[in-house]
């Protein structure tokens, strides 16, 4: 890839900065550690790019006001507040016509709203579990889906708000867990028909007809893990789960479900989608992450790439090639 010595700005949210401001471990679960930024920067430099660290959305505002500009921004800033938090940095960059990696503000906002995302992929003919959305405690009694059900906050990532209690078996459990989640996260709660089958996460790259599957892994739950890919499971994945790379027909179907959802949602560059099988063994779309974590050791996308023979630097190269081609920076 001919980089022409491009200057790449880097936007991100450092977890330690927010912890120092008094936010909790769970509130900052999606934010990055220094080794993530260092690994991305090292890979960019190995690929021939010049780099400049910018930081979070507030730091970007200050840099833009100081007339700083870049050939492209490598953006992994998650933001802190609201369903549009992941869109903040891309929206600012759009205002100044500065190219950036990953999806645009509309896609990032839609993907964070899990109910809206499911509506779009369902209308595109992609299998996804039946669902309802609870905005207030009064909505709980209106749920007519058959038990068991699965509950989670509408617009969180990294398994936040998900635990073994998320699977509810009766109206009393539904009311207790839904009420708790509404109060704790101050946002709607997604209620879905529980999917009891195999779980996969699928890596994706590119856009539209040129989108492709990077690979997938199956999440294998250890005894006592509860078989729920929760916040705690992701935090302690090395002892609670293991990953494999299945080659069977169900895995291939799961990859195609993920690819169809990726295209329907107009995601770009790279990311991943989570897939789980229903009681009949059919893969169903759960959610998409178009701004996936990129810690080279602990994040799902680099893990699945590594297990499918793609190094971290090769993943960063794929992201940059896709982004540079989209923005006309390379042929």
Protein backbone atom coordinates (compact mmCIF):
# COMPACT_ATOMS: atom_id res chain seq x y z
CA UNK A 1 0.00 0.00 0.00
CA UNK A 2 1.45 3.35 -1.06
CA UNK A 3 1.01 5.61 1.96
CA UNK A 4 2.81 8.67 0.56
CA UNK A 5 4.00 9.46 4.10
CA UNK A 6 0.45 10.35 5.18
CA UNK A 7 -0.03 11.95 8.59
CA UNK A 8 -2.53 9.96 10.64
CA UNK A 9 -4.12 11.54 13.70
CA UNK A 10 -5.30 9.17 16.43
CA UNK A 11 -8.48 9.72 18.43
CA UNK A 12 -9.31 7.53 21.42
CA UNK A 13 -10.60 7.49 25.00
CA UNK A 14 -8.03 6.45 27.60
CA UNK A 15 -9.65 4.59 30.47
CA UNK A 16 -7.20 5.93 33.04
CA UNK A 17 -8.22 9.53 32.25
CA UNK A 18 -11.86 8.83 33.11
CA UNK A 19 -11.03 6.74 36.18
CA UNK A 20 -9.02 9.71 37.45
CA UNK A 21 -12.16 11.84 37.09
CA UNK A 22 -14.09 9.45 39.35
CA UNK A 23 -15.91 7.24 36.85
CA UNK A 24 -16.26 3.55 37.75
CA UNK A 25 -14.64 0.50 36.17
CA UNK A 26 -17.92 -0.50 34.54
CA UNK A 27 -18.65 3.01 33.26
CA UNK A 28 -15.25 3.05 31.55
CA UNK A 29 -15.28 -0.56 30.35
CA UNK A 30 -15.28 0.37 26.66
CA UNK A 31 -12.30 2.71 26.92
CA UNK A 32 -8.74 1.87 26.01
CA UNK A 33 -5.54 1.19 27.89
CA UNK A 34 -2.23 2.75 26.81
CA UNK A 35 -1.01 -0.52 25.28
CA UNK A 36 -3.87 -0.41 22.75
CA UNK A 37 -2.85 3.03 21.53
CA UNK A 38 0.81 2.02 21.48
CA UNK A 39 0.08 -1.11 19.43
CA UNK A 40 -2.01 0.75 16.86
CA UNK A 41 0.56 3.52 16.55
CA UNK A 42 3.41 1.05 16.15
CA UNK A 43 1.53 -0.81 13.41
CA UNK A 44 0.70 2.43 11.59
CA UNK A 45 4.34 3.46 11.69
CA UNK A 46 5.47 0.02 10.49
CA UNK A 47 3.12 0.50 7.53
CA UNK A 48 4.83 3.77 6.63
CA UNK A 49 2.42 6.30 8.15
CA UNK A 50 3.40 9.24 10.31
CA UNK A 51 1.27 9.49 13.45
CA UNK A 52 0.07 12.13 15.87
CA UNK A 53 -1.86 11.32 19.02
CA UNK A 54 -4.91 13.55 19.52
CA UNK A 55 -6.97 11.93 22.27
CA UNK A 56 -10.69 12.19 22.98
CA UNK A 57 -13.42 14.37 21.50
CA UNK A 58 -12.59 17.34 23.73
CA UNK A 59 -8.93 17.15 22.75
CA UNK A 60 -9.98 16.97 19.10
CA UNK A 61 -12.06 20.14 19.49
CA UNK A 62 -9.04 21.96 20.89
CA UNK A 63 -6.77 20.67 18.13
CA UNK A 64 -9.20 21.68 15.39
CA UNK A 65 -9.59 25.14 16.94
CA UNK A 66 -5.79 25.43 16.85
CA UNK A 67 -5.84 24.73 13.09
CA UNK A 68 -4.38 21.22 13.40
CA UNK A 69 -5.15 19.00 10.41
CA UNK A 70 -4.30 15.44 9.35
CA UNK A 71 -4.45 13.44 6.12
CA UNK A 72 -6.67 10.96 7.97
CA UNK A 73 -7.73 10.19 11.52
CA UNK A 74 -7.63 6.67 12.93
CA UNK A 75 -10.66 6.89 15.19
CA UNK A 76 -11.48 4.53 18.05
CA UNK A 77 -13.05 7.12 20.40
CA UNK A 78 -16.15 5.65 22.04
CA UNK A 79 -17.44 8.78 23.81
CA UNK A 80 -19.12 8.91 27.21
CA UNK A 81 -22.66 10.27 27.01
CA UNK A 82 -25.80 9.53 25.01
CA UNK A 83 -26.74 7.14 22.23
CA UNK A 84 -24.80 9.32 19.77
CA UNK A 85 -21.56 9.23 21.76
CA UNK A 86 -19.64 7.16 19.20
CA UNK A 87 -20.71 9.60 16.48
CA UNK A 88 -19.17 12.68 18.12
CA UNK A 89 -15.67 12.41 16.69
CA UNK A 90 -16.74 11.41 13.14
CA UNK A 91 -19.27 14.28 13.08
CA UNK A 92 -16.56 16.77 14.03
CA UNK A 93 -14.24 15.39 11.37
CA UNK A 94 -17.00 15.53 8.76
CA UNK A 95 -17.48 19.22 9.60
CA UNK A 96 -13.83 19.87 8.76
CA UNK A 97 -13.79 17.41 5.82
CA UNK A 98 -11.06 15.31 7.38
CA UNK A 99 -11.13 11.62 6.37
CA UNK A 100 -11.31 8.98 9.11
CA UNK A 101 -11.41 5.23 9.60
CA UNK A 102 -14.54 3.23 10.33
CA UNK A 103 -18.19 4.08 9.93
CA UNK A 104 -19.92 7.44 9.74
CA UNK A 105 -22.01 9.12 12.49
CA UNK A 106 -25.31 7.68 11.26
CA UNK A 107 -24.07 4.08 11.24
CA UNK A 108 -22.40 4.40 14.64
CA UNK A 109 -25.52 5.88 16.21
CA UNK A 110 -27.81 3.25 14.71
CA UNK A 111 -25.51 0.39 15.73
CA UNK A 112 -25.44 1.59 19.33
CA UNK A 113 -29.26 1.42 19.45
CA UNK A 114 -29.69 -2.36 19.49
CA UNK A 115 -33.44 -2.30 18.82
CA UNK A 116 -33.10 0.00 15.82
CA UNK A 117 -30.25 -2.16 14.52
CA UNK A 118 -32.36 -5.30 14.83
CA UNK A 119 -35.27 -3.61 13.05
CA UNK A 120 -33.06 -2.77 10.07
CA UNK A 121 -31.50 -6.21 9.73
CA UNK A 122 -34.88 -7.90 10.24
CA UNK A 123 -36.38 -5.80 7.44
CA UNK A 124 -33.41 -6.80 5.26
CA UNK A 125 -34.35 -10.44 5.76
CA UNK A 126 -31.61 -11.30 8.27
CA UNK A 127 -32.65 -13.67 11.05
CA UNK A 128 -32.74 -12.06 14.50
CA UNK A 129 -34.60 -12.99 17.68
CA UNK A 130 -38.05 -11.44 18.29
CA UNK A 131 -37.73 -8.46 20.62
CA UNK A 132 -39.40 -5.64 22.52
CA UNK A 133 -38.07 -2.39 23.92
CA UNK A 134 -38.89 -1.15 27.42
CA UNK A 135 -38.74 2.61 27.94
CA UNK A 136 -40.43 2.77 31.36
CA UNK A 137 -41.46 0.26 34.06
CA UNK A 138 -45.03 0.51 32.72
CA UNK A 139 -43.86 -1.21 29.51
CA UNK A 140 -42.86 -4.39 31.34
CA UNK A 141 -46.42 -5.71 31.66
CA UNK A 142 -46.94 -5.29 27.91
CA UNK A 143 -44.26 -7.83 26.96
CA UNK A 144 -45.94 -10.79 25.23
CA UNK A 145 -42.87 -12.75 24.12
CA UNK A 146 -42.64 -16.34 25.41
CA UNK A 147 -40.14 -17.19 28.13
CA UNK A 148 -37.22 -17.57 28.56
CA UNK A 149 -36.21 -14.02 27.65
CA UNK A 150 -32.93 -12.15 27.61
CA UNK A 151 -32.52 -8.57 28.86
CA UNK A 152 -29.78 -5.99 28.35
CA UNK A 153 -29.40 -2.21 28.15
CA UNK A 154 -30.31 -0.81 24.75
CA UNK A 155 -27.10 1.12 24.05
CA UNK A 156 -24.13 -0.35 25.91
CA UNK A 157 -21.11 -2.40 24.83
CA UNK A 158 -18.48 -4.71 26.32
CA UNK A 159 -21.22 -6.76 27.97
CA UNK A 160 -22.20 -3.90 30.31
CA UNK A 161 -25.44 -4.69 32.11
CA UNK A 162 -25.31 -8.35 31.07
CA UNK A 163 -24.99 -11.08 33.69
CA UNK A 164 -26.37 -14.55 34.39
CA UNK A 165 -29.51 -12.80 35.67
CA UNK A 166 -30.13 -11.42 32.16
CA UNK A 167 -31.86 -14.67 31.20
CA UNK A 168 -35.28 -14.55 32.86
CA UNK A 169 -37.71 -17.44 33.17
CA UNK A 170 -40.98 -15.85 34.35
CA UNK A 171 -42.83 -12.54 34.79
CA UNK A 172 -41.43 -11.96 38.28
CA UNK A 173 -37.82 -12.23 37.08
CA UNK A 174 -38.63 -10.08 34.06
CA UNK A 175 -40.02 -7.33 36.26
CA UNK A 176 -37.13 -7.47 38.74
CA UNK A 177 -34.31 -7.42 36.18
CA UNK A 178 -35.96 -4.90 33.85
CA UNK A 179 -36.67 -2.50 36.71
CA UNK A 180 -33.09 -2.79 37.90
CA UNK A 181 -31.60 -2.16 34.45
CA UNK A 182 -33.86 0.83 33.77
CA UNK A 183 -32.80 2.41 37.05
CA UNK A 184 -29.10 1.60 36.74
CA UNK A 185 -28.44 2.61 33.12
CA UNK A 186 -31.06 5.33 32.60
CA UNK A 187 -31.88 4.07 29.12
CA UNK A 188 -34.34 1.63 27.51
CA UNK A 189 -33.98 -2.11 28.00
CA UNK A 190 -33.95 -4.56 25.09
CA UNK A 191 -35.96 -7.75 25.67
CA UNK A 192 -35.34 -10.65 23.29
CA UNK A 193 -36.36 -14.25 22.92
CA UNK A 194 -33.48 -16.17 24.49
CA UNK A 195 -31.24 -17.94 21.99
CA UNK A 196 -29.96 -21.16 23.62
CA UNK A 197 -27.55 -22.34 20.93
CA UNK A 198 -23.95 -21.88 19.80
CA UNK A 199 -22.39 -18.41 19.88
CA UNK A 200 -20.02 -16.92 17.32
CA UNK A 201 -18.32 -13.61 16.75
CA UNK A 202 -17.51 -12.78 13.14
CA UNK A 203 -14.85 -10.37 11.88
CA UNK A 204 -15.80 -8.30 8.85
CA UNK A 205 -14.00 -5.85 6.57
CA UNK A 206 -14.78 -3.58 3.64
CA UNK A 207 -18.13 -2.19 2.57
CA UNK A 208 -21.10 -3.08 0.39
CA UNK A 209 -20.44 -5.63 -2.35
CA UNK A 210 -16.75 -5.56 -1.45
CA UNK A 211 -17.34 -6.48 2.19
CA UNK A 212 -15.87 -9.78 3.30
CA UNK A 213 -15.57 -12.09 6.27
CA UNK A 214 -12.17 -11.93 7.97
CA UNK A 215 -12.92 -15.03 9.98
CA UNK A 216 -14.99 -16.17 12.91
CA UNK A 217 -14.59 -17.84 16.26
CA UNK A 218 -16.98 -19.83 18.41
CA UNK A 219 -17.29 -18.90 22.06
CA UNK A 220 -17.05 -22.08 24.16
CA UNK A 221 -18.25 -21.54 27.72
CA UNK A 222 -16.50 -23.38 30.54
CA UNK A 223 -18.45 -25.16 33.27
CA UNK A 224 -19.79 -22.66 35.78
CA UNK A 225 -19.54 -19.68 33.41
CA UNK A 226 -23.32 -19.50 32.99
CA UNK A 227 -23.02 -19.62 29.17
CA UNK A 228 -23.68 -15.87 28.95
CA UNK A 229 -21.09 -13.62 27.27
CA UNK A 230 -21.38 -11.04 30.03
CA UNK A 231 -19.33 -8.09 31.24
CA UNK A 232 -17.67 -10.37 33.81
CA UNK A 233 -17.04 -13.10 31.22
CA UNK A 234 -15.33 -10.64 28.88
CA UNK A 235 -13.25 -9.24 31.73
CA UNK A 236 -12.09 -12.74 32.76
CA UNK A 237 -12.37 -14.51 29.42
CA UNK A 238 -9.15 -16.53 29.81
CA UNK A 239 -10.61 -18.59 32.68
CA UNK A 240 -14.31 -18.60 31.72
CA UNK A 241 -14.33 -19.25 27.97
CA UNK A 242 -12.19 -20.62 25.17
CA UNK A 243 -12.32 -19.90 21.46
CA UNK A 244 -12.25 -22.24 18.49
CA UNK A 245 -12.41 -21.82 14.73
CA UNK A 246 -15.16 -24.15 13.49
CA UNK A 247 -15.46 -25.07 9.81
CA UNK A 248 -18.88 -26.75 9.78
CA UNK A 249 -22.01 -25.70 7.90
CA UNK A 250 -23.56 -23.84 10.85
CA UNK A 251 -20.41 -21.74 11.26
CA UNK A 252 -20.42 -20.91 7.56
CA UNK A 253 -24.08 -19.90 7.81
CA UNK A 254 -23.29 -17.72 10.84
CA UNK A 255 -20.62 -15.93 8.81
CA UNK A 256 -23.11 -15.23 6.02
CA UNK A 257 -25.70 -13.91 8.48
CA UNK A 258 -23.08 -11.53 9.87
CA UNK A 259 -22.03 -10.40 6.38
CA UNK A 260 -25.65 -9.74 5.37
CA UNK A 261 -26.22 -7.64 8.50
CA UNK A 262 -22.96 -5.72 7.92
CA UNK A 263 -24.06 -4.82 4.41
CA UNK A 264 -27.61 -3.94 5.45
CA UNK A 265 -26.28 -1.52 8.08
CA UNK A 266 -23.72 0.03 5.66
CA UNK A 267 -20.76 -0.54 7.96
CA UNK A 268 -17.26 0.05 6.54
CA UNK A 269 -13.56 -0.74 6.99
CA UNK A 270 -13.68 -3.39 9.74
CA UNK A 271 -15.62 -4.56 12.77
CA UNK A 272 -17.45 -7.59 14.03
CA UNK A 273 -20.93 -9.03 14.50
CA UNK A 274 -22.19 -11.38 17.20
CA UNK A 275 -24.29 -14.37 16.18
CA UNK A 276 -26.11 -16.96 18.31
CA UNK A 277 -28.17 -19.97 17.29
CA UNK A 278 -31.83 -20.45 18.20
CA UNK A 279 -33.40 -23.64 19.56
CA UNK A 280 -33.48 -25.10 16.05
CA UNK A 281 -29.78 -24.45 15.52
CA UNK A 282 -30.28 -21.55 13.10
CA UNK A 283 -27.82 -18.62 13.41
CA UNK A 284 -29.43 -15.33 14.46
CA UNK A 285 -27.95 -11.84 14.43
CA UNK A 286 -27.43 -10.39 17.93
CA UNK A 287 -25.60 -7.12 17.37
CA UNK A 288 -22.88 -5.43 15.33
CA UNK A 289 -19.84 -3.49 16.50
CA UNK A 290 -18.61 -1.18 13.72
CA UNK A 291 -16.14 0.42 16.19
CA UNK A 292 -14.72 -2.78 17.63
CA UNK A 293 -12.10 -2.93 20.37
CA UNK A 294 -8.53 -3.16 19.09
CA UNK A 295 -6.45 -4.24 22.05
CA UNK A 296 -4.07 -6.70 20.38
CA UNK A 297 -4.31 -9.23 23.22
CA UNK A 298 -7.76 -8.98 24.78
CA UNK A 299 -10.22 -7.59 22.19
CA UNK A 300 -12.43 -10.01 20.24
CA UNK A 301 -11.60 -8.71 16.74
CA UNK A 302 -7.80 -9.07 17.07
CA UNK A 303 -8.30 -12.43 18.83
CA UNK A 304 -10.43 -13.84 16.02
CA UNK A 305 -8.07 -12.42 13.40
CA UNK A 306 -5.08 -14.02 15.13
CA UNK A 307 -6.84 -17.39 15.31
CA UNK A 308 -7.63 -17.08 11.61
CA UNK A 309 -4.03 -16.31 10.62
CA UNK A 310 -4.24 -12.50 10.43
CA UNK A 311 -1.69 -10.61 12.51
CA UNK A 312 -2.51 -7.38 14.31
CA UNK A 313 -0.46 -5.31 11.86
CA UNK A 314 -2.18 -7.05 8.95
CA UNK A 315 -5.55 -6.11 10.47
CA UNK A 316 -4.49 -2.46 10.83
CA UNK A 317 -3.22 -2.56 7.22
CA UNK A 318 -6.58 -3.91 6.04
CA UNK A 319 -8.42 -1.14 7.90
CA UNK A 320 -6.16 1.55 6.47
CA UNK A 321 -6.34 0.21 2.93
CA UNK A 322 -10.13 0.16 3.04
CA UNK A 323 -10.31 3.67 4.51
CA UNK A 324 -7.73 5.16 2.14
CA UNK A 325 -9.50 3.69 -0.86
CA UNK A 326 -12.87 5.01 0.30
CA UNK A 327 -11.44 8.51 0.65
CA UNK A 328 -9.43 8.43 -2.57
CA UNK A 329 -6.05 8.64 -0.84
CA UNK A 330 -4.75 5.58 -2.72
CA UNK A 331 -5.78 3.92 -5.95
